[in-house]
PDB file of N, CA and C in Angstrom:
ATOM      1  N   MET A   1       0.837  -1.182   0.000  1.00  0.00           N
ATOM      2  CA  MET A   1       0.000   0.000   0.000  1.00  0.00           C
ATOM      3  C   MET A   1       0.883   1.247   0.000  1.00  0.00           C
ATOM      4  N   LYS A   2       0.570   2.172  -0.878  1.00  0.00           N
ATOM      5  CA  LYS A   2       1.355   3.400  -1.018  1.00  0.00           C
ATOM      6  C   LYS A   2       1.017   4.377   0.101  1.00  0.00           C
ATOM      7  N   ALA A   3       2.041   4.841   0.802  1.00  0.00           N
ATOM      8  CA  ALA A   3       1.856   5.838   1.868  1.00  0.00           C
ATOM      9  C   ALA A   3       1.844   7.216   1.227  1.00  0.00           C
ATOM     10  N   THR A   4       0.689   7.872   1.232  1.00  0.00           N
ATOM     11  CA  THR A   4       0.566   9.192   0.605  1.00  0.00           C
ATOM     12  C   THR A   4       0.590  10.322   1.620  1.00  0.00           C
ATOM     13  N   CYS A   5       0.464  10.005   2.916  1.00  0.00           N
ATOM     14  CA  CYS A   5       0.500  11.044   3.941  1.00  0.00           C
ATOM     15  C   CYS A   5       0.888  10.428   5.287  1.00  0.00           C
ATOM     16  N   TRP A   6       1.279  11.297   6.205  1.00  0.00           N
ATOM     17  CA  TRP A   6       1.584  10.901   7.581  1.00  0.00           C
ATOM     18  C   TRP A   6       1.184  12.062   8.478  1.00  0.00           C
ATOM     19  N   TYR A   7       0.560  11.745   9.607  1.00  0.00           N
ATOM     20  CA  TYR A   7       0.147  12.771  10.573  1.00  0.00           C
ATOM     21  C   TYR A   7       0.859  12.550  11.895  1.00  0.00           C
ATOM     22  N   LYS A   8       1.031  13.617  12.652  1.00  0.00           N
ATOM     23  CA  LYS A   8       1.780  13.588  13.906  1.00  0.00           C
ATOM     24  C   LYS A   8       1.278  12.506  14.875  1.00  0.00           C
ATOM     25  N   ASN A   9      -0.006  12.201  14.840  1.00  0.00           N
ATOM     26  CA  ASN A   9      -0.526  11.163  15.733  1.00  0.00           C
ATOM     27  C   ASN A   9      -0.321   9.752  15.169  1.00  0.00           C
ATOM     28  N   GLY A  10       0.334   9.649  14.004  1.00  0.00           N
ATOM     29  CA  GLY A  10       0.618   8.355  13.402  1.00  0.00           C
ATOM     30  C   GLY A  10       1.842   7.702  14.036  1.00  0.00           C
ATOM     31  N   SER A  11       2.058   6.447  13.696  1.00  0.00           N
ATOM     32  CA  SER A  11       3.180   5.696  14.264  1.00  0.00           C
ATOM     33  C   SER A  11       4.495   6.042  13.565  1.00  0.00           C
ATOM     34  N   LEU A  12       5.595   5.724  14.242  1.00  0.00           N
ATOM     35  CA  LEU A  12       6.911   5.929  13.639  1.00  0.00           C
ATOM     36  C   LEU A  12       7.122   4.968  12.473  1.00  0.00           C
ATOM     37  N   ASP A  13       6.479   3.806  12.533  1.00  0.00           N
ATOM     38  CA  ASP A  13       6.565   2.877  11.402  1.00  0.00           C
ATOM     39  C   ASP A  13       5.908   3.469  10.164  1.00  0.00           C
ATOM     40  N   SER A  14       4.798   4.167  10.362  1.00  0.00           N
ATOM     41  CA  SER A  14       4.128   4.846   9.240  1.00  0.00           C
ATOM     42  C   SER A  14       5.009   5.965   8.693  1.00  0.00           C
ATOM     43  N   PHE A  15       5.664   6.707   9.590  1.00  0.00           N
ATOM     44  CA  PHE A  15       6.590   7.766   9.188  1.00  0.00           C
ATOM     45  C   PHE A  15       7.708   7.168   8.340  1.00  0.00           C
ATOM     46  N   ARG A  16       8.294   6.084   8.814  1.00  0.00           N
ATOM     47  CA  ARG A  16       9.382   5.408   8.106  1.00  0.00           C
ATOM     48  C   ARG A  16       8.906   4.940   6.726  1.00  0.00           C
ATOM     49  N   GLN A  17       7.736   4.330   6.676  1.00  0.00           N
ATOM     50  CA  GLN A  17       7.193   3.835   5.414  1.00  0.00           C
ATOM     51  C   GLN A  17       6.971   4.976   4.420  1.00  0.00           C
ATOM     52  N   PHE A  18       6.415   6.089   4.909  1.00  0.00           N
ATOM     53  CA  PHE A  18       6.213   7.259   4.055  1.00  0.00           C
ATOM     54  C   PHE A  18       7.547   7.722   3.479  1.00  0.00           C
ATOM     55  N   CYS A  19       8.555   7.820   4.322  1.00  0.00           N
ATOM     56  CA  CYS A  19       9.867   8.304   3.883  1.00  0.00           C
ATOM     57  C   CYS A  19      10.531   7.354   2.893  1.00  0.00           C
ATOM     58  N   ILE A  20      10.422   6.062   3.134  1.00  0.00           N
ATOM     59  CA  ILE A  20      11.018   5.075   2.222  1.00  0.00           C
ATOM     60  C   ILE A  20      10.360   5.156   0.853  1.00  0.00           C
ATOM     61  N   GLN A  21       9.034   5.200   0.838  1.00  0.00           N
ATOM     62  CA  GLN A  21       8.305   5.184  -0.430  1.00  0.00           C
ATOM     63  C   GLN A  21       8.417   6.495  -1.193  1.00  0.00           C
ATOM     64  N   ASN A  22       8.696   7.587  -0.500  1.00  0.00           N
ATOM     65  CA  ASN A  22       8.695   8.891  -1.161  1.00  0.00           C
ATOM     66  C   ASN A  22      10.055   9.576  -1.178  1.00  0.00           C
ATOM     67  N   GLN A  23      11.121   8.830  -0.903  1.00  0.00           N
ATOM     68  CA  GLN A  23      12.455   9.424  -0.927  1.00  0.00           C
ATOM     69  C   GLN A  23      12.768   9.925  -2.341  1.00  0.00           C
ATOM     70  N   ASP A  24      13.359  11.096  -2.419  1.00  0.00           N
ATOM     71  CA  ASP A  24      13.702  11.776  -3.674  1.00  0.00           C
ATOM     72  C   ASP A  24      12.480  12.208  -4.469  1.00  0.00           C
ATOM     73  N   LYS A  25      11.327  12.267  -3.837  1.00  0.00           N
ATOM     74  CA  LYS A  25      10.100  12.707  -4.503  1.00  0.00           C
ATOM     75  C   LYS A  25       9.605  13.990  -3.854  1.00  0.00           C
ATOM     76  N   PRO A  26       8.833  14.778  -4.582  1.00  0.00           N
ATOM     77  CA  PRO A  26       8.286  16.016  -4.009  1.00  0.00           C
ATOM     78  C   PRO A  26       7.263  15.724  -2.914  1.00  0.00           C
ATOM     79  N   VAL A  27       7.447  16.357  -1.762  1.00  0.00           N
ATOM     80  CA  VAL A  27       6.519  16.211  -0.648  1.00  0.00           C
ATOM     81  C   VAL A  27       6.182  17.588  -0.085  1.00  0.00           C
ATOM     82  N   SER A  28       5.082  17.630   0.637  1.00  0.00           N
ATOM     83  CA  SER A  28       4.645  18.832   1.324  1.00  0.00           C
ATOM     84  C   SER A  28       4.627  18.524   2.816  1.00  0.00           C
ATOM     85  N   VAL A  29       5.238  19.395   3.612  1.00  0.00           N
ATOM     86  CA  VAL A  29       5.333  19.181   5.056  1.00  0.00           C
ATOM     87  C   VAL A  29       4.658  20.343   5.774  1.00  0.00           C
ATOM     88  N   LYS A  30       3.634  20.044   6.554  1.00  0.00           N
ATOM     89  CA  LYS A  30       2.947  21.044   7.381  1.00  0.00           C
ATOM     90  C   LYS A  30       3.657  21.067   8.722  1.00  0.00           C
ATOM     91  N   LEU A  31       4.197  22.213   9.072  1.00  0.00           N
ATOM     92  CA  LEU A  31       4.911  22.372  10.334  1.00  0.00           C
ATOM     93  C   LEU A  31       3.981  22.936  11.394  1.00  0.00           C
ATOM     94  N   THR A  32       4.272  22.645  12.650  1.00  0.00           N
ATOM     95  CA  THR A  32       3.414  23.106  13.742  1.00  0.00           C
ATOM     96  C   THR A  32       3.489  24.613  13.936  1.00  0.00           C
ATOM     97  N   ASN A  33       4.587  25.241  13.526  1.00  0.00           N
ATOM     98  CA  ASN A  33       4.749  26.681  13.761  1.00  0.00           C
ATOM     99  C   ASN A  33       4.597  27.542  12.504  1.00  0.00           C
ATOM    100  N   ARG A  34       4.055  26.971  11.429  1.00  0.00           N
ATOM    101  CA  ARG A  34       3.851  27.725  10.186  1.00  0.00           C
ATOM    102  C   ARG A  34       2.480  27.418   9.613  1.00  0.00           C
ATOM    103  N   SER A  35       1.848  28.418   9.024  1.00  0.00           N
ATOM    104  CA  SER A  35       0.531  28.179   8.429  1.00  0.00           C
ATOM    105  C   SER A  35       0.646  27.578   7.028  1.00  0.00           C
ATOM    106  N   GLU A  36       1.676  27.952   6.289  1.00  0.00           N
ATOM    107  CA  GLU A  36       1.876  27.430   4.941  1.00  0.00           C
ATOM    108  C   GLU A  36       2.790  26.203   4.985  1.00  0.00           C
ATOM    109  N   PRO A  37       2.474  25.170   4.209  1.00  0.00           N
ATOM    110  CA  PRO A  37       3.355  23.997   4.184  1.00  0.00           C
ATOM    111  C   PRO A  37       4.664  24.291   3.458  1.00  0.00           C
ATOM    112  N   VAL A  38       5.674  23.526   3.776  1.00  0.00           N
ATOM    113  CA  VAL A  38       6.975  23.599   3.127  1.00  0.00           C
ATOM    114  C   VAL A  38       7.009  22.472   2.109  1.00  0.00           C
ATOM    115  N   THR A  39       7.429  22.764   0.883  1.00  0.00           N
ATOM    116  CA  THR A  39       7.517  21.720  -0.130  1.00  0.00           C
ATOM    117  C   THR A  39       8.953  21.557  -0.582  1.00  0.00           C
ATOM    118  N   GLY A  40       9.302  20.347  -0.938  1.00  0.00           N
ATOM    119  CA  GLY A  40      10.636  20.042  -1.417  1.00  0.00           C
ATOM    120  C   GLY A  40      10.780  18.567  -1.688  1.00  0.00           C
ATOM    121  N   ALA A  41      11.932  18.184  -2.206  1.00  0.00           N
ATOM    122  CA  ALA A  41      12.224  16.775  -2.450  1.00  0.00           C
ATOM    123  C   ALA A  41      12.717  16.153  -1.146  1.00  0.00           C
ATOM    124  N   LEU A  42      12.125  15.037  -0.763  1.00  0.00           N
ATOM    125  CA  LEU A  42      12.503  14.343   0.472  1.00  0.00           C
ATOM    126  C   LEU A  42      13.854  13.670   0.257  1.00  0.00           C
ATOM    127  N   CYS A  43      14.888  14.196   0.896  1.00  0.00           N
ATOM    128  CA  CYS A  43      16.240  13.673   0.711  1.00  0.00           C
ATOM    129  C   CYS A  43      16.546  12.505   1.635  1.00  0.00           C
ATOM    130  N   ASN A  44      16.234  12.669   2.904  1.00  0.00           N
ATOM    131  CA  ASN A  44      16.616  11.662   3.888  1.00  0.00           C
ATOM    132  C   ASN A  44      15.788  11.842   5.146  1.00  0.00           C
ATOM    133  N   TYR A  45      15.839  10.860   6.022  1.00  0.00           N
ATOM    134  CA  TYR A  45      15.144  10.932   7.301  1.00  0.00           C
ATOM    135  C   TYR A  45      15.952  10.178   8.348  1.00  0.00           C
ATOM    136  N   TYR A  46      15.713  10.503   9.614  1.00  0.00           N
ATOM    137  CA  TYR A  46      16.409   9.844  10.719  1.00  0.00           C
ATOM    138  C   TYR A  46      15.420   9.500  11.820  1.00  0.00           C
ATOM    139  N   LEU A  47      15.472   8.259  12.272  1.00  0.00           N
ATOM    140  CA  LEU A  47      14.640   7.825  13.391  1.00  0.00           C
ATOM    141  C   LEU A  47      15.451   7.105  14.460  1.00  0.00           C
ATOM    142  N   ASN A  48      16.733   6.918  14.241  1.00  0.00           N
ATOM    143  CA  ASN A  48      17.552   6.130  15.167  1.00  0.00           C
ATOM    144  C   ASN A  48      17.877   6.852  16.461  1.00  0.00           C
ATOM    145  N   SER A  49      18.117   8.127  16.391  1.00  0.00           N
ATOM    146  CA  SER A  49      18.514   8.899  17.559  1.00  0.00           C
ATOM    147  C   SER A  49      17.351   9.767  18.029  1.00  0.00           C
ATOM    148  N   SER A  50      17.067   9.723  19.320  1.00  0.00           N
ATOM    149  CA  SER A  50      15.961  10.534  19.837  1.00  0.00           C
ATOM    150  C   SER A  50      16.259  12.032  19.716  1.00  0.00           C
ATOM    151  N   LYS A  51      17.523  12.388  19.597  1.00  0.00           N
ATOM    152  CA  LYS A  51      17.884  13.801  19.481  1.00  0.00           C
ATOM    153  C   LYS A  51      17.797  14.299  18.037  1.00  0.00           C
ATOM    154  N   ALA A  52      17.802  13.390  17.078  1.00  0.00           N
ATOM    155  CA  ALA A  52      17.849  13.812  15.676  1.00  0.00           C
ATOM    156  C   ALA A  52      16.768  13.156  14.833  1.00  0.00           C
ATOM    157  N   GLN A  53      15.592  12.927  15.387  1.00  0.00           N
ATOM    158  CA  GLN A  53      14.516  12.357  14.584  1.00  0.00           C
ATOM    159  C   GLN A  53      13.907  13.443  13.729  1.00  0.00           C
ATOM    160  N   GLY A  54      13.815  13.197  12.445  1.00  0.00           N
ATOM    161  CA  GLY A  54      13.250  14.176  11.544  1.00  0.00           C
ATOM    162  C   GLY A  54      13.587  13.857  10.117  1.00  0.00           C
ATOM    163  N   LEU A  55      13.449  14.854   9.250  1.00  0.00           N
ATOM    164  CA  LEU A  55      13.715  14.623   7.838  1.00  0.00           C
ATOM    165  C   LEU A  55      14.425  15.813   7.224  1.00  0.00           C
ATOM    166  N   PHE A  56      15.023  15.566   6.073  1.00  0.00           N
ATOM    167  CA  PHE A  56      15.742  16.580   5.313  1.00  0.00           C
ATOM    168  C   PHE A  56      15.028  16.790   3.987  1.00  0.00           C
ATOM    169  N   LEU A  57      14.728  18.042   3.674  1.00  0.00           N
ATOM    170  CA  LEU A  57      14.091  18.386   2.409  1.00  0.00           C
ATOM    171  C   LEU A  57      15.022  19.262   1.586  1.00  0.00           C
ATOM    172  N   LEU A  58      15.155  18.916   0.323  1.00  0.00           N
ATOM    173  CA  LEU A  58      15.874  19.765  -0.614  1.00  0.00           C
ATOM    174  C   LEU A  58      14.857  20.755  -1.158  1.00  0.00           C
ATOM    175  N   LEU A  59      14.980  22.017  -0.791  1.00  0.00           N
ATOM    176  CA  LEU A  59      13.965  23.021  -1.090  1.00  0.00           C
ATOM    177  C   LEU A  59      14.117  23.653  -2.463  1.00  0.00           C
ATOM    178  N   THR A  60      15.311  23.584  -3.035  1.00  0.00           N
ATOM    179  CA  THR A  60      15.557  24.189  -4.348  1.00  0.00           C
ATOM    180  C   THR A  60      16.687  23.444  -5.034  1.00  0.00           C
ATOM    181  N   ASP A  61      16.723  23.514  -6.340  1.00  0.00           N
ATOM    182  CA  ASP A  61      17.795  22.856  -7.096  1.00  0.00           C
ATOM    183  C   ASP A  61      19.109  23.618  -7.001  1.00  0.00           C
ATOM    184  N   ARG A  62      19.096  24.834  -6.471  1.00  0.00           N
ATOM    185  CA  ARG A  62      20.321  25.644  -6.376  1.00  0.00           C
ATOM    186  C   ARG A  62      21.048  25.470  -5.051  1.00  0.00           C
ATOM    187  N   VAL A  63      20.406  24.879  -4.070  1.00  0.00           N
ATOM    188  CA  VAL A  63      21.017  24.687  -2.755  1.00  0.00           C
ATOM    189  C   VAL A  63      21.215  23.196  -2.552  1.00  0.00           C
ATOM    190  N   PHE A  64      22.432  22.799  -2.252  1.00  0.00           N
ATOM    191  CA  PHE A  64      22.724  21.378  -2.132  1.00  0.00           C
ATOM    192  C   PHE A  64      22.704  20.888  -0.690  1.00  0.00           C
ATOM    193  N   HIS A  65      22.432  21.779   0.253  1.00  0.00           N
ATOM    194  CA  HIS A  65      22.333  21.391   1.655  1.00  0.00           C
ATOM    195  C   HIS A  65      20.861  21.410   2.041  1.00  0.00           C
ATOM    196  N   PRO A  66      20.260  20.237   2.202  1.00  0.00           N
ATOM    197  CA  PRO A  66      18.830  20.194   2.515  1.00  0.00           C
ATOM    198  C   PRO A  66      18.511  20.786   3.887  1.00  0.00           C
ATOM    199  N   ALA A  67      17.315  21.317   4.015  1.00  0.00           N
ATOM    200  CA  ALA A  67      16.834  21.853   5.288  1.00  0.00           C
ATOM    201  C   ALA A  67      16.381  20.697   6.171  1.00  0.00           C
ATOM    202  N   TYR A  68      16.669  20.788   7.463  1.00  0.00           N
ATOM    203  CA  TYR A  68      16.277  19.748   8.419  1.00  0.00           C
ATOM    204  C   TYR A  68      15.048  20.203   9.201  1.00  0.00           C
ATOM    205  N   TYR A  69      14.086  19.299   9.360  1.00  0.00           N
ATOM    206  CA  TYR A  69      12.895  19.553  10.159  1.00  0.00           C
ATOM    207  C   TYR A  69      12.752  18.426  11.164  1.00  0.00           C
ATOM    208  N   GLY A  70      12.775  18.778  12.443  1.00  0.00           N
ATOM    209  CA  GLY A  70      12.662  17.789  13.511  1.00  0.00           C
ATOM    210  C   GLY A  70      11.263  17.200  13.585  1.00  0.00           C
ATOM    211  N   LEU A  71      11.183  15.954  14.001  1.00  0.00           N
ATOM    212  CA  LEU A  71       9.913  15.238  14.081  1.00  0.00           C
ATOM    213  C   LEU A  71       8.909  15.955  14.977  1.00  0.00           C
ATOM    214  N   GLU A  72       9.387  16.574  16.056  1.00  0.00           N
ATOM    215  CA  GLU A  72       8.482  17.262  16.985  1.00  0.00           C
ATOM    216  C   GLU A  72       7.826  18.485  16.356  1.00  0.00           C
ATOM    217  N   GLY A  73       8.403  19.038  15.306  1.00  0.00           N
ATOM    218  CA  GLY A  73       7.851  20.221  14.661  1.00  0.00           C
ATOM    219  C   GLY A  73       7.009  19.924  13.426  1.00  0.00           C
ATOM    220  N   ILE A  74       6.860  18.642  13.085  1.00  0.00           N
ATOM    221  CA  ILE A  74       6.105  18.257  11.897  1.00  0.00           C
ATOM    222  C   ILE A  74       4.689  17.869  12.295  1.00  0.00           C
ATOM    223  N   GLU A  75       3.719  18.540  11.702  1.00  0.00           N
ATOM    224  CA  GLU A  75       2.311  18.225  11.959  1.00  0.00           C
ATOM    225  C   GLU A  75       1.811  17.132  11.014  1.00  0.00           C
ATOM    226  N   SER A  76       2.200  17.228   9.726  1.00  0.00           N
ATOM    227  CA  SER A  76       1.798  16.220   8.746  1.00  0.00           C
ATOM    228  C   SER A  76       2.691  16.301   7.519  1.00  0.00           C
ATOM    229  N   MET A  77       2.682  15.219   6.727  1.00  0.00           N
ATOM    230  CA  MET A  77       3.429  15.164   5.469  1.00  0.00           C
ATOM    231  C   MET A  77       2.519  14.578   4.406  1.00  0.00           C
ATOM    232  N   HIS A  78       2.667  15.084   3.191  1.00  0.00           N
ATOM    233  CA  HIS A  78       1.837  14.622   2.084  1.00  0.00           C
ATOM    234  C   HIS A  78       2.674  14.582   0.816  1.00  0.00           C
ATOM    235  N   ILE A  79       2.371  13.651  -0.077  1.00  0.00           N
ATOM    236  CA  ILE A  79       3.063  13.669  -1.361  1.00  0.00           C
ATOM    237  C   ILE A  79       2.516  14.831  -2.164  1.00  0.00           C
ATOM    238  N   GLU A  80       3.382  15.468  -2.933  1.00  0.00           N
ATOM    239  CA  GLU A  80       2.981  16.576  -3.799  1.00  0.00           C
ATOM    240  C   GLU A  80       2.610  15.993  -5.140  1.00  0.00           C
ATOM    241  N   ARG A  81       1.462  16.355  -5.633  1.00  0.00           N
ATOM    242  CA  ARG A  81       1.023  15.876  -6.944  1.00  0.00           C
ATOM    243  C   ARG A  81       0.954  17.044  -7.895  1.00  0.00           C
ATOM    244  N   TYR A  82       1.632  16.895  -9.003  1.00  0.00           N
ATOM    245  CA  TYR A  82       1.588  17.909 -10.044  1.00  0.00           C
ATOM    246  C   TYR A  82       0.769  17.363 -11.192  1.00  0.00           C
ATOM    247  N   GLU A  83      -0.092  18.203 -11.713  1.00  0.00           N
ATOM    248  CA  GLU A  83      -0.965  17.784 -12.810  1.00  0.00           C
ATOM    249  C   GLU A  83      -0.132  17.353 -14.020  1.00  0.00           C
ATOM    250  N   ALA A  84       0.841  18.155 -14.383  1.00  0.00           N
ATOM    251  CA  ALA A  84       1.680  17.847 -15.541  1.00  0.00           C
ATOM    252  C   ALA A  84       2.959  18.643 -15.431  1.00  0.00           C
ATOM    253  N   LEU A  85       3.961  18.197 -16.159  1.00  0.00           N
ATOM    254  CA  LEU A  85       5.205  18.951 -16.209  1.00  0.00           C
ATOM    255  C   LEU A  85       4.961  20.218 -17.006  1.00  0.00           C
ATOM    256  N   PRO A  86       5.703  21.284 -16.726  1.00  0.00           N
ATOM    257  CA  PRO A  86       5.530  22.517 -17.480  1.00  0.00           C
ATOM    258  C   PRO A  86       5.814  22.279 -18.965  1.00  0.00           C
ATOM    259  N   PRO A  87       5.261  23.119 -19.849  1.00  0.00           N
ATOM    260  CA  PRO A  87       5.424  22.912 -21.292  1.00  0.00           C
ATOM    261  C   PRO A  87       6.872  22.849 -21.743  1.00  0.00           C
ATOM    262  N   ALA A  88       7.773  23.538 -21.075  1.00  0.00           N
ATOM    263  CA  ALA A  88       9.176  23.559 -21.496  1.00  0.00           C
ATOM    264  C   ALA A  88       9.892  22.246 -21.203  1.00  0.00           C
ATOM    265  N   ILE A  89       9.290  21.357 -20.415  1.00  0.00           N
ATOM    266  CA  ILE A  89       9.933  20.103 -20.048  1.00  0.00           C
ATOM    267  C   ILE A  89       9.161  18.959 -20.691  1.00  0.00           C
ATOM    268  N   ASP A  90       9.836  18.184 -21.519  1.00  0.00           N
ATOM    269  CA  ASP A  90       9.155  17.011 -22.036  1.00  0.00           C
ATOM    270  C   ASP A  90       9.539  15.801 -21.181  1.00  0.00           C
ATOM    271  N   ILE A  91       8.771  14.756 -21.281  1.00  0.00           N
ATOM    272  CA  ILE A  91       8.959  13.578 -20.430  1.00  0.00           C
ATOM    273  C   ILE A  91      10.334  12.965 -20.637  1.00  0.00           C
ATOM    274  N   GLU A  92      10.817  12.895 -21.871  1.00  0.00           N
ATOM    275  CA  GLU A  92      12.101  12.260 -22.156  1.00  0.00           C
ATOM    276  C   GLU A  92      13.254  13.012 -21.494  1.00  0.00           C
ATOM    277  N   SER A  93      13.262  14.347 -21.590  1.00  0.00           N
ATOM    278  CA  SER A  93      14.357  15.115 -21.001  1.00  0.00           C
ATOM    279  C   SER A  93      14.274  15.146 -19.485  1.00  0.00           C
ATOM    280  N   SER A  94      13.070  14.965 -18.917  1.00  0.00           N
ATOM    281  CA  SER A  94      12.937  15.022 -17.465  1.00  0.00           C
ATOM    282  C   SER A  94      13.498  13.785 -16.783  1.00  0.00           C
ATOM    283  N   LYS A  95      13.753  12.719 -17.514  1.00  0.00           N
ATOM    284  CA  LYS A  95      14.286  11.491 -16.912  1.00  0.00           C
ATOM    285  C   LYS A  95      15.677  11.702 -16.327  1.00  0.00           C
ATOM    286  N   ASP A  96      16.424  12.671 -16.884  1.00  0.00           N
ATOM    287  CA  ASP A  96      17.775  12.938 -16.402  1.00  0.00           C
ATOM    288  C   ASP A  96      17.819  14.006 -15.322  1.00  0.00           C
ATOM    289  N   MET A  97      16.674  14.568 -14.948  1.00  0.00           N
ATOM    290  CA  MET A  97      16.626  15.624 -13.940  1.00  0.00           C
ATOM    291  C   MET A  97      16.317  15.056 -12.569  1.00  0.00           C
ATOM    292  N   SER A  98      16.839  15.702 -11.555  1.00  0.00           N
ATOM    293  CA  SER A  98      16.503  15.307 -10.195  1.00  0.00           C
ATOM    294  C   SER A  98      15.092  15.766  -9.876  1.00  0.00           C
ATOM    295  N   PRO A  99      14.415  15.118  -8.910  1.00  0.00           N
ATOM    296  CA  PRO A  99      13.078  15.562  -8.528  1.00  0.00           C
ATOM    297  C   PRO A  99      13.037  17.025  -8.088  1.00  0.00           C
ATOM    298  N   ALA A 100      14.099  17.472  -7.443  1.00  0.00           N
ATOM    299  CA  ALA A 100      14.128  18.860  -6.973  1.00  0.00           C
ATOM    300  C   ALA A 100      14.153  19.836  -8.140  1.00  0.00           C
ATOM    301  N   VAL A 101      14.887  19.497  -9.206  1.00  0.00           N
ATOM    302  CA  VAL A 101      14.947  20.369 -10.378  1.00  0.00           C
ATOM    303  C   VAL A 101      13.587  20.413 -11.048  1.00  0.00           C
ATOM    304  N   ILE A 102      12.964  19.251 -11.221  1.00  0.00           N
ATOM    305  CA  ILE A 102      11.636  19.197 -11.837  1.00  0.00           C
ATOM    306  C   ILE A 102      10.644  20.002 -11.007  1.00  0.00           C
ATOM    307  N   MET A 103      10.737  19.838  -9.670  1.00  0.00           N
ATOM    308  CA  MET A 103       9.828  20.552  -8.787  1.00  0.00           C
ATOM    309  C   MET A 103      10.025  22.063  -8.899  1.00  0.00           C
ATOM    310  N   ALA A 104      11.266  22.494  -8.931  1.00  0.00           N
ATOM    311  CA  ALA A 104      11.546  23.925  -9.017  1.00  0.00           C
ATOM    312  C   ALA A 104      11.038  24.487 -10.340  1.00  0.00           C
ATOM    313  N   LEU A 105      11.261  23.761 -11.430  1.00  0.00           N
ATOM    314  CA  LEU A 105      10.781  24.211 -12.729  1.00  0.00           C
ATOM    315  C   LEU A 105       9.262  24.208 -12.777  1.00  0.00           C
ATOM    316  N   SER A 106       8.645  23.192 -12.187  1.00  0.00           N
ATOM    317  CA  SER A 106       7.183  23.130 -12.153  1.00  0.00           C
ATOM    318  C   SER A 106       6.622  24.301 -11.363  1.00  0.00           C
ATOM    319  N   GLY A 107       7.249  24.623 -10.244  1.00  0.00           N
ATOM    320  CA  GLY A 107       6.798  25.751  -9.425  1.00  0.00           C
ATOM    321  C   GLY A 107       6.911  27.065 -10.155  1.00  0.00           C
ATOM    322  N   SER A 108       8.011  27.259 -10.890  1.00  0.00           N
ATOM    323  CA  SER A 108       8.170  28.510 -11.633  1.00  0.00           C
ATOM    324  C   SER A 108       7.187  28.583 -12.780  1.00  0.00           C
ATOM    325  N   ALA A 109       6.850  27.465 -13.386  1.00  0.00           N
ATOM    326  CA  ALA A 109       5.865  27.465 -14.464  1.00  0.00           C
ATOM    327  C   ALA A 109       4.491  27.768 -13.931  1.00  0.00           C
ATOM    328  N   MET A 110       4.165  27.236 -12.749  1.00  0.00           N
ATOM    329  CA  MET A 110       2.863  27.506 -12.163  1.00  0.00           C
ATOM    330  C   MET A 110       2.744  28.975 -11.772  1.00  0.00           C
ATOM    331  N   ARG A 111       3.834  29.566 -11.238  1.00  0.00           N
ATOM    332  CA  ARG A 111       3.804  30.980 -10.864  1.00  0.00           C
ATOM    333  C   ARG A 111       3.662  31.862 -12.091  1.00  0.00           C
ATOM    334  N   SER A 112       4.334  31.508 -13.200  1.00  0.00           N
ATOM    335  CA  SER A 112       4.274  32.338 -14.395  1.00  0.00           C
ATOM    336  C   SER A 112       2.919  32.237 -15.091  1.00  0.00           C
ATOM    337  N   ALA A 113       2.170  31.172 -14.823  1.00  0.00           N
ATOM    338  CA  ALA A 113       0.850  31.001 -15.426  1.00  0.00           C
ATOM    339  C   ALA A 113      -0.189  31.883 -14.739  1.00  0.00           C
ATOM    340  N   ASN A 114       0.096  32.328 -13.508  1.00  0.00           N
ATOM    341  CA  ASN A 114      -0.862  33.154 -12.750  1.00  0.00           C
ATOM    342  C   ASN A 114      -0.765  34.608 -13.119  1.00  0.00           C
TER     343      ASN A 114
END
């Protein structure tokens, strides 16, 4: 079964499953101290150490150091679904791009359409 979301009241096994299934994919993370969700490519996660439980999101294709969000500050996580790639990106050329690059280009295309 595909894990499409995780909520703070969910189990750590569910958190782990979500992270495994969605690693390197665009996700949306609702934080407890922000009204707007944070989106980015899920780079990595940690559950082994009680001091460092959380996940790393690559927020842009220009920054190679992902942002860290601790488990205690995460309210929920969801996979990001994009209707289609922007017109400038065809499916064949997108195979060589990282999810973060595709996400950044998709975001800029959506902003320019408004």
